[in-house]
Amino acid sequence: MKSTIQLRFFKMAMLFSLSCGLLFTACSKKSNGPAPTDKTALQSVTDSAQFYYTKTIEGTKPGDYTAGSKAALKAALDAATAILNDPTSIQATLTNAAANLQGAINTYKGAFIGQIAAANLIGYWKFNGNANDSSGNSHNGTVTAGHPFFGAGTPNLTADRFANAGMAYHFDHGGNIEVPYSPALNPQQMSISLWIRQDTAGRTINPANCYMVAMNRWNGYKFQTQPFLPFYTVKVFESTPAPGDTTIYDRDDAGTAIVPGTTWYHLVATFKPGVEDFYINGSLVKEWTNTPGAPITLTDQINFVIGADLPVSKYLTVDASGNFLVDYGGFWTGDMDDVMFYNIALTGPQVQSIYTNQATQ
């Protein structure tokens, strides 16, 4: 009887040990195998990237994406596809690949050249033999002799950047083109696009104040070089810390200078509350993001001027405030062409598109 009980106990112990061994083996196999992965997110982002790569085009027109922008998207797409097709990819790798590819898609979408509505072009002075506005808004300019303090010069038609005679203006000694004031020329956002060839050789009067366009100097807005750095000033109503107060932003492009002489440059300054950008030949050279507030609406309706900082009739030889003192004035010396004024802050791709399309005849 005792032997039978011992035998049964021995069999039960063996079965228990075998069961534990099988359970341990099963657990061991489960823990040592690859963890399950979910490729759904990466597949979705890959499909999206493939759509943008195959269904969109690079170019210079609205609706295109800027030339060269597809290369980075393709590199990210190829890298993500390789990870997607790799059976050994772990979840962390798949997740990172999806995030990286989505970032590349977002960057590519930023290269889209958006259509500029016709209503956003406020003035376009092509200078094709005259100072008329080609935007359709009738902001025609009048060629005006400069103030005697500057030498009373008058703008003259000259060759443009393509050597076409009489298709640009040469400015010196305060000569300017005056455009009657309009609220449309005093917007809450703006972009100023123009082509210039600066030549200040021999200039002695305020040589650092080379104004290209302005409305009421620093009490409105102005775009100039100082002396060779593109420089934009705007007076705004502050949004913080005390709404209703005004401040003046004087900003330049932080060191990217043009070279005076024979070279033509395409310059653009854009402003919207909080952001001010500078472009040279289609490329962003500086962005300021510490400019809150919207440009003021002038109570004194001072004309818009191309080639100087004030209308000639506004200059004073004695002015304690300095706001209209001719001694503080400035003017453009050199050539200018294709002056465009928008009531929006253009995007980088839009600026690049304008430059590319205007750089060739």
Foldseek 3Di string as FASTA:
>chain_A
DVVVVVVVVVVVVVVVVVVVVVVVVVVVVVVPDADDADLVLLVVLLVVLVCCLPVAADDLDARHFHPPLCPLLVVLSVVSVVLSPDPPRHHVNSVVSSVVNVVSVVSRVLRHAHDDDLVFWQFKQFQQQAQFTPSPNGQGWDWAFAAVVLPRHTWDAAADPVRRGRGWIFDGSGTWIWTFFDVQQQFQKKKKKWKFAADCVPPDQPQQFAWFKEFQFLLAKTWGGRNFWTKIKFKFQAPPDDGPDIDMDIDTLVDDGDDHDSDMWMWMWIDHAQWIWIDILLDTRHIGRHHHGTGDRDPPRFIMMGFWHGPNVQADCDDPVPSRDCSPIHGGGGIMGTIIMGNHGGRSSNSNSVSVVVVPD
